[in-house]
Amino acid sequence: MGVVVVGGGIAGMSVAAELARDHDVLLVEGERELARHTTGRSAASYIPGHGAAPARALVAASRERFAALAEEAGHAFLRPRAVLHIAQDDDEERTLREEILTLGSVDELTVAEAVQRWPALRADRVRAAGVVEDAQDADPLGLHEHYRRTLRARGGEIRTGVPVTALHPTATGWRIAIGDDHVDTDLVVLAAGAWTDGLLTLAGAAPIGLRPLRRTIAIARIPDGAPVRRDDPFAVSVGEHWYAKPEGEYLLVSPSEETPAEPGDPRPEELDVARALEAVNDVTTLGLRSVVTSWTGLRTFAPDRSLVIGDRPEHPGLHLFAGQGGSGIETAPAAAVLAAAVITGADPPADVVAALEDHGAGLDDVLARRMPTPGERPDRPR
């Protein structure tokens, strides 16, 4: 069976590598570089309890699979770094207590304990805090490269700089126009992040309401003598107003914005960078002033903020693997094997199904065929 995967980020590369175990796979990427957009611009972490229920389940199911991938590669893709949740007002403290501390992966800290863990914090600006002790930093480009090598080793082909310009159903599958060429295949997997809805439209299928949202990151220089240690936690605002993570002599900061955007190559806006510095300075003693560099990526969500995999029955052979939002790296090992099974009609991995059930979700929560068309229902809470 032939499979064409459209999209060269972590979603496309991981599912292509898994599909290549038993199938002939061609991965196509419109850009000349792989992982140029969201994957290459990720401040990736592995955070137990992060995201909507399906994402939390896939994070949990990925832990042992990350270890297996590290054994294959000969090096780790995760490195321990706790995540510190900071609540600064009544609303954030309520969210922390009602939605975050109840997850079981987050332990409550006193304000004094939070400052001890991250000495740059101003105690008078913190109302409450929690910590995820078993969180990890992730290596997105290293993980992507391992999947690329695996795809090649399994006989898969990769073509870059070949945008998809047409998708037509045939008697036996699909014909895809890529660049100046075309390919006939049994199955097509659209794993192109922010571009996925556009590809659905190109194929004559209804879009599912995937929404690209901007997220800006800046690298700020830590002032001399500032109380920041290399292994300090990744600090995040409970209300998602900012985050900050030490990166050597620098601090990676973000205003955690979710600004709707069109698919493309966004550039950071000065106001968003300034907001990030202001928010971090408000809760710390750092007095950040200078930014070394900044960038913006697109995080793409389905209407219910859950991963979307598989087909829609009215378009046989056309599959989706999209909507990873801010969890594409941390869920990749489990999500890719689940998607490969759903796409090919195999039994889904027992450990992934069990993780979904343990987190109050099910396979139906991530299947493309249950997705509404845009406007059918509002977002569910995260």
Protein backbone atom coordinates (compact mmCIF):
# COMPACT_ATOMS: atom_id res chain seq x y z
CA MET A 1 0.00 0.00 0.00
CA GLY A 2 1.31 3.43 -0.91
CA VAL A 3 0.97 6.40 1.44
CA VAL A 4 1.76 10.06 0.80
CA VAL A 5 2.21 12.20 3.91
CA VAL A 6 1.92 15.95 3.37
CA GLY A 7 3.90 17.99 5.89
CA GLY A 8 7.52 17.82 7.04
CA GLY A 9 7.18 18.96 10.65
CA ILE A 10 7.14 16.65 13.66
CA ALA A 11 3.58 15.48 12.91
CA GLY A 12 4.27 14.45 9.34
CA MET A 13 7.72 13.04 9.97
CA SER A 14 6.72 10.97 13.00
CA VAL A 15 3.64 9.41 11.41
CA ALA A 16 5.53 8.81 8.16
CA ALA A 17 8.23 6.92 10.05
CA GLU A 18 5.62 4.78 11.79
CA LEU A 19 3.69 4.08 8.58
CA ALA A 20 6.94 3.08 6.85
CA ARG A 21 7.19 0.00 9.06
CA ASP A 22 4.78 -1.80 6.70
CA HIS A 23 4.03 0.55 3.80
CA ASP A 24 5.69 2.48 0.99
CA VAL A 25 5.77 6.09 2.17
CA LEU A 26 6.48 9.35 0.40
CA LEU A 27 6.66 12.50 2.54
CA VAL A 28 6.28 15.81 0.72
CA GLU A 29 7.03 19.26 2.12
CA GLY A 30 6.32 22.52 0.34
CA GLU A 31 9.26 24.32 1.94
CA ARG A 32 12.83 23.58 0.91
CA GLU A 33 13.67 22.98 4.58
CA LEU A 34 12.04 20.42 6.83
CA ALA A 35 10.66 21.54 10.21
CA ARG A 36 11.00 25.19 9.22
CA HIS A 37 7.88 26.45 10.95
CA THR A 38 6.31 25.34 14.25
CA THR A 39 8.59 22.36 14.97
CA GLY A 40 11.74 24.39 14.44
CA ARG A 41 10.48 27.24 16.59
CA SER A 42 9.27 25.26 19.59
CA ALA A 43 10.25 25.90 23.19
CA ALA A 44 9.43 22.25 23.68
CA SER A 45 8.81 20.65 27.02
CA TYR A 46 7.36 17.36 28.20
CA ILE A 47 4.82 18.30 30.87
CA PRO A 48 2.62 15.66 32.52
CA GLY A 49 -0.89 17.06 32.90
CA HIS A 50 -0.53 19.54 30.03
CA GLY A 51 -3.42 20.23 27.66
CA ALA A 52 -6.92 18.82 27.15
CA ALA A 53 -7.64 15.26 28.31
CA PRO A 54 -6.57 13.50 25.06
CA ALA A 55 -3.29 15.43 25.03
CA ARG A 56 -2.65 14.61 28.69
CA ALA A 57 -3.22 10.94 27.87
CA LEU A 58 -0.82 11.01 24.94
CA VAL A 59 1.81 12.80 27.03
CA ALA A 60 1.55 10.01 29.61
CA ALA A 61 1.67 7.27 26.95
CA SER A 62 4.74 8.89 25.36
CA ARG A 63 6.97 8.63 28.44
CA GLU A 64 8.12 5.02 27.90
CA ARG A 65 8.12 5.52 24.16
CA PHE A 66 10.53 8.46 24.52
CA ALA A 67 12.81 6.10 26.45
CA ALA A 68 12.58 3.50 23.66
CA LEU A 69 13.38 6.12 21.02
CA ALA A 70 16.38 7.26 23.08
CA GLU A 71 17.66 3.68 23.18
CA GLU A 72 17.29 3.44 19.39
CA ALA A 73 19.07 6.75 18.81
CA GLY A 74 21.79 6.29 21.44
CA HIS A 75 20.96 9.58 23.14
CA ALA A 76 18.08 11.07 25.11
CA PHE A 77 15.44 13.46 23.80
CA LEU A 78 14.33 14.59 27.27
CA ARG A 79 16.21 16.29 30.10
CA PRO A 80 14.75 16.89 33.58
CA ARG A 81 13.44 20.37 34.31
CA ALA A 82 10.54 21.04 36.69
CA VAL A 83 7.67 23.28 35.62
CA LEU A 84 6.56 25.94 38.09
CA HIS A 85 2.95 27.19 37.83
CA ILE A 86 2.62 30.74 39.17
CA ALA A 87 -0.70 32.31 40.20
CA GLN A 88 -0.64 36.10 40.66
CA ASP A 89 -4.26 36.99 41.42
CA ASP A 90 -7.57 35.56 42.69
CA ASP A 91 -8.65 34.19 39.32
CA GLU A 92 -5.33 32.46 38.71
CA GLU A 93 -5.27 31.01 42.21
CA ARG A 94 -8.79 29.63 41.66
CA THR A 95 -7.69 28.09 38.35
CA LEU A 96 -4.62 26.60 39.98
CA ARG A 97 -6.64 24.98 42.76
CA GLU A 98 -9.65 23.86 40.74
CA GLU A 99 -8.08 22.84 37.42
CA ILE A 100 -4.34 22.27 37.83
CA LEU A 101 -3.65 20.91 41.31
CA THR A 102 -6.47 18.40 40.81
CA LEU A 103 -4.63 16.73 37.93
CA GLY A 104 -2.40 14.68 40.23
CA SER A 105 0.78 15.59 38.38
CA VAL A 106 1.13 18.97 40.12
CA ASP A 107 2.16 19.48 43.76
CA GLU A 108 1.22 22.64 45.63
CA LEU A 109 3.99 24.92 46.90
CA THR A 110 3.92 27.74 49.39
CA VAL A 111 5.04 31.12 48.12
CA ALA A 112 8.29 30.72 50.05
CA GLU A 113 8.89 27.31 48.47
CA ALA A 114 8.22 28.74 45.02
CA VAL A 115 10.76 31.51 45.56
CA GLN A 116 13.26 28.96 46.84
CA ARG A 117 12.81 26.98 43.61
CA TRP A 118 13.05 30.09 41.41
CA PRO A 119 14.93 32.80 43.33
CA ALA A 120 14.21 35.47 40.72
CA LEU A 121 10.55 35.52 41.79
CA ARG A 122 9.16 38.44 43.80
CA ALA A 123 7.27 36.93 46.72
CA ASP A 124 4.89 39.90 46.86
CA ARG A 125 3.72 39.17 43.29
CA VAL A 126 2.91 35.48 43.87
CA ARG A 127 -0.42 34.33 45.35
CA ALA A 128 0.00 30.58 44.99
CA ALA A 129 2.14 28.07 43.11
CA GLY A 130 2.45 24.46 42.04
CA VAL A 131 5.23 22.36 40.58
CA VAL A 132 5.43 19.46 38.11
CA GLU A 133 8.53 17.70 39.38
CA ASP A 134 8.79 15.11 36.60
CA ALA A 135 8.54 17.56 33.68
CA GLN A 136 11.32 17.57 31.10
CA ASP A 137 12.93 19.78 28.49
CA ALA A 138 12.53 18.24 25.04
CA ASP A 139 14.78 18.30 21.98
CA PRO A 140 12.37 18.94 19.08
CA LEU A 141 14.93 19.05 16.28
CA GLY A 142 16.77 16.01 17.62
CA LEU A 143 13.50 14.07 17.78
CA HIS A 144 12.54 15.20 14.28
CA GLU A 145 15.92 14.14 12.94
CA HIS A 146 15.59 10.70 14.53
CA TYR A 147 12.23 10.19 12.86
CA ARG A 148 13.72 11.38 9.55
CA ARG A 149 16.54 8.85 9.82
CA THR A 150 14.06 6.13 10.76
CA LEU A 151 11.85 6.94 7.77
CA ARG A 152 14.85 6.74 5.44
CA ALA A 153 16.06 3.50 7.01
CA ARG A 154 12.62 1.95 6.43
CA GLY A 155 12.69 2.83 2.75
CA GLY A 156 10.65 6.01 2.89
CA GLU A 157 11.22 8.87 0.46
CA ILE A 158 11.28 12.59 1.27
CA ARG A 159 10.74 15.40 -1.23
CA THR A 160 11.10 19.04 -0.22
CA GLY A 161 10.31 22.24 -2.07
CA VAL A 162 7.28 20.61 -3.71
CA PRO A 163 4.01 22.27 -2.63
CA VAL A 164 0.81 20.34 -3.19
CA THR A 165 -1.25 22.14 -5.86
CA ALA A 166 -4.08 19.64 -6.44
CA LEU A 167 -5.71 16.63 -4.79
CA HIS A 168 -8.16 14.49 -6.77
CA PRO A 169 -9.83 11.19 -5.88
CA THR A 170 -9.30 8.29 -8.31
CA ALA A 171 -10.87 4.87 -8.66
CA THR A 172 -8.25 3.39 -6.33
CA GLY A 173 -7.09 6.30 -4.18
CA TRP A 174 -5.81 9.81 -4.81
CA ARG A 175 -3.77 11.73 -7.38
CA ILE A 176 -1.62 14.48 -5.89
CA ALA A 177 -0.03 17.25 -7.91
CA ILE A 178 3.28 18.22 -6.29
CA GLY A 179 5.43 20.80 -7.98
CA ASP A 180 5.65 19.85 -11.67
CA ASP A 181 4.90 16.20 -10.97
CA HIS A 182 2.00 14.08 -9.78
CA VAL A 183 1.77 10.95 -7.65
CA ASP A 184 -0.96 8.30 -7.45
CA THR A 185 -1.39 6.73 -4.04
CA ASP A 186 -3.79 4.63 -1.97
CA LEU A 187 -3.76 6.92 1.07
CA VAL A 188 -3.06 10.59 1.70
CA VAL A 189 -2.25 11.87 5.20
CA LEU A 190 -2.57 15.62 5.69
CA ALA A 191 -0.19 16.53 8.51
CA ALA A 192 0.59 20.09 7.51
CA GLY A 193 -0.32 21.99 10.67
CA ALA A 194 -1.77 25.41 9.87
CA TRP A 195 -2.09 24.50 6.17
CA THR A 196 -4.22 21.37 6.75
CA ASP A 197 -7.64 22.98 6.34
CA GLY A 198 -6.51 24.56 3.08
CA LEU A 199 -5.43 21.15 1.80
CA LEU A 200 -8.82 19.71 2.77
CA THR A 201 -10.48 22.40 0.68
CA LEU A 202 -8.12 21.60 -2.19
CA ALA A 203 -9.30 17.99 -1.99
CA GLY A 204 -12.96 19.01 -2.09
CA ALA A 205 -13.47 18.18 1.58
CA ALA A 206 -15.01 20.44 4.22
CA PRO A 207 -12.46 22.12 6.51
CA ILE A 208 -12.74 21.23 10.18
CA GLY A 209 -12.04 24.65 11.65
CA LEU A 210 -8.34 24.30 12.46
CA ARG A 211 -7.10 27.61 13.85
CA PRO A 212 -3.47 28.77 13.64
CA LEU A 213 -2.59 30.90 16.67
CA ARG A 214 0.54 33.05 16.95
CA ARG A 215 2.99 32.49 19.81
CA THR A 216 6.03 34.78 20.22
CA ILE A 217 9.28 33.82 21.93
CA ALA A 218 12.23 36.07 22.72
CA ILE A 219 15.70 35.37 24.06
CA ALA A 220 16.57 37.96 26.70
CA ARG A 221 19.98 38.54 28.17
CA ILE A 222 20.06 37.84 31.92
CA PRO A 223 21.60 40.81 33.77
CA ASP A 224 24.92 40.17 35.52
CA GLY A 225 24.42 38.94 39.05
CA ALA A 226 20.76 38.07 38.57
CA PRO A 227 19.56 35.11 40.69
CA VAL A 228 18.99 32.70 37.80
CA ARG A 229 20.48 29.21 37.78
CA ARG A 230 20.91 26.99 34.75
CA ASP A 231 18.59 24.31 36.15
CA ASP A 232 15.87 26.63 37.49
CA PRO A 233 12.34 25.51 36.60
CA PHE A 234 10.39 26.47 33.52
CA ALA A 235 8.08 29.09 35.07
CA VAL A 236 4.62 29.58 33.56
CA SER A 237 1.71 31.86 34.34
CA VAL A 238 -1.43 29.98 35.38
CA GLY A 239 -3.45 32.46 33.33
CA GLU A 240 -1.11 31.95 30.36
CA HIS A 241 0.08 35.57 30.36
CA TRP A 242 3.79 34.73 30.21
CA TYR A 243 6.42 32.04 30.60
CA ALA A 244 10.16 32.02 31.16
CA LYS A 245 12.85 29.36 30.99
CA PRO A 246 16.62 29.65 31.55
CA GLU A 247 18.73 28.86 28.49
CA GLY A 248 22.37 29.13 29.60
CA GLU A 249 23.18 32.81 30.09
CA TYR A 250 19.85 33.81 28.57
CA LEU A 251 16.19 33.61 29.51
CA LEU A 252 13.64 32.42 26.99
CA VAL A 253 10.45 34.48 27.52
CA SER A 254 7.01 34.65 25.92
CA PRO A 255 3.78 36.61 26.41
CA SER A 256 1.96 33.29 25.74
CA GLU A 257 -0.33 35.02 23.27
CA GLU A 258 -2.81 33.17 21.09
CA THR A 259 -3.49 35.61 18.26
CA PRO A 260 -5.42 34.19 15.28
CA ALA A 261 -3.31 34.22 12.13
CA GLU A 262 -3.31 32.99 8.57
CA PRO A 263 -1.04 30.08 7.63
CA GLY A 264 2.35 31.48 6.75
CA ASP A 265 5.70 32.59 8.14
CA PRO A 266 4.85 35.12 10.86
CA ARG A 267 7.30 37.65 12.20
CA PRO A 268 7.40 38.77 15.85
CA GLU A 269 5.75 42.05 16.66
CA GLU A 270 7.60 44.50 18.90
CA LEU A 271 4.56 44.91 21.13
CA ASP A 272 4.43 41.16 21.88
CA VAL A 273 8.14 41.08 22.72
CA ALA A 274 7.71 44.11 24.99
CA ARG A 275 4.72 42.45 26.69
CA ALA A 276 6.80 39.37 27.42
CA LEU A 277 9.57 41.41 29.07
CA GLU A 278 7.07 43.49 31.02
CA ALA A 279 5.18 40.45 32.32
CA VAL A 280 8.33 38.64 33.44
CA ASN A 281 9.78 41.78 35.01
CA ASP A 282 6.53 42.31 36.92
CA VAL A 283 6.82 38.96 38.71
CA THR A 284 10.62 38.82 39.08
CA THR A 285 13.53 40.97 40.21
CA LEU A 286 15.36 40.48 36.90
CA GLY A 287 14.84 43.84 35.21
CA LEU A 288 15.20 42.36 31.72
CA ARG A 289 15.99 45.00 29.11
CA SER A 290 17.70 43.63 26.03
CA VAL A 291 16.54 40.96 23.62
CA VAL A 292 19.09 39.01 21.60
CA THR A 293 16.58 37.57 19.13
CA SER A 294 12.90 36.73 18.83
CA TRP A 295 10.63 34.66 16.64
CA THR A 296 6.99 33.67 16.20
CA GLY A 297 5.43 30.31 15.45
CA LEU A 298 1.93 29.04 14.76
CA ARG A 299 0.23 26.57 17.09
CA THR A 300 -2.78 25.01 15.37
CA PHE A 301 -5.85 23.84 17.28
CA ALA A 302 -9.07 22.06 16.33
CA PRO A 303 -12.32 23.59 17.68
CA ASP A 304 -12.18 21.40 20.80
CA ARG A 305 -8.38 21.73 21.14
CA SER A 306 -7.90 17.97 20.73
CA LEU A 307 -5.71 16.08 18.31
CA VAL A 308 -7.49 15.00 15.10
CA ILE A 309 -6.55 11.75 13.35
CA GLY A 310 -8.01 9.47 10.70
CA ASP A 311 -10.49 9.93 7.87
CA ARG A 312 -13.92 11.32 7.24
CA PRO A 313 -16.05 8.61 5.60
CA GLU A 314 -17.19 10.80 2.70
CA HIS A 315 -13.59 10.99 1.44
CA PRO A 316 -12.11 7.45 1.54
CA GLY A 317 -8.34 7.34 1.71
CA LEU A 318 -7.96 10.97 2.82
CA HIS A 319 -6.68 11.16 6.39
CA LEU A 320 -5.77 13.83 8.92
CA PHE A 321 -3.09 14.05 11.57
CA ALA A 322 -3.44 17.59 12.85
CA GLY A 323 -4.44 19.88 15.70
CA GLN A 324 -1.50 19.12 18.01
CA GLY A 325 -1.55 22.72 19.24
CA GLY A 326 1.18 23.23 21.81
CA SER A 327 1.71 19.51 22.44
CA GLY A 328 3.15 18.25 19.17
CA ILE A 329 6.57 17.33 20.56
CA GLU A 330 5.55 15.95 23.94
CA THR A 331 2.86 13.69 22.44
CA ALA A 332 4.70 12.67 19.27
CA PRO A 333 5.81 9.14 20.23
CA ALA A 334 2.33 7.97 21.27
CA ALA A 335 0.35 10.10 18.82
CA ALA A 336 2.32 8.86 15.81
CA VAL A 337 1.80 5.16 16.56
CA LEU A 338 -1.88 5.77 17.29
CA ALA A 339 -2.33 7.72 14.06
CA ALA A 340 -0.54 5.06 12.00
CA ALA A 341 -2.83 2.39 13.41
CA VAL A 342 -6.02 4.40 12.81
CA ILE A 343 -4.97 5.37 9.29
CA THR A 344 -4.22 1.78 8.24
CA GLY A 345 -7.07 0.14 10.13
CA ALA A 346 -4.82 -1.73 12.54
CA ASP A 347 -5.58 -2.26 16.22
CA PRO A 348 -4.59 0.87 18.17
CA PRO A 349 -1.74 0.37 20.66
CA ALA A 350 -3.10 -1.01 23.93
CA ASP A 351 -1.00 1.32 26.09
CA VAL A 352 -2.29 4.40 24.26
CA VAL A 353 -5.92 3.29 24.51
CA ALA A 354 -5.42 2.58 28.22
CA ALA A 355 -3.88 6.03 28.74
CA LEU A 356 -6.84 7.69 27.02
CA GLU A 357 -9.25 5.80 29.28
CA ASP A 358 -7.20 6.65 32.37
CA HIS A 359 -7.50 10.35 31.53
CA GLY A 360 -11.22 10.30 30.94
CA ALA A 361 -10.94 10.31 27.15
CA GLY A 362 -11.42 7.72 24.44
CA LEU A 363 -10.41 6.96 20.90
CA ASP A 364 -13.53 8.70 19.61
CA ASP A 365 -12.28 11.97 21.11
CA VAL A 366 -9.47 12.18 18.56
CA LEU A 367 -11.05 10.66 15.43
CA ALA A 368 -11.48 12.95 12.44
CA ARG A 369 -14.86 11.43 11.58
CA ARG A 370 -16.42 12.83 14.76
CA MET A 371 -15.19 16.34 14.01
CA PRO A 372 -17.92 18.92 13.36
CA THR A 373 -17.79 21.36 10.53
CA PRO A 374 -16.87 24.88 11.71
CA GLY A 375 -19.54 26.52 13.83
CA GLU A 376 -21.30 23.34 14.97
CA ARG A 377 -20.12 23.65 18.57
CA PRO A 378 -17.97 25.93 20.71
CA ASP A 379 -14.61 25.15 22.20
CA ARG A 380 -14.56 22.82 25.18
CA PRO A 381 -12.58 23.99 28.21
CA ARG A 382 -8.88 23.14 28.12
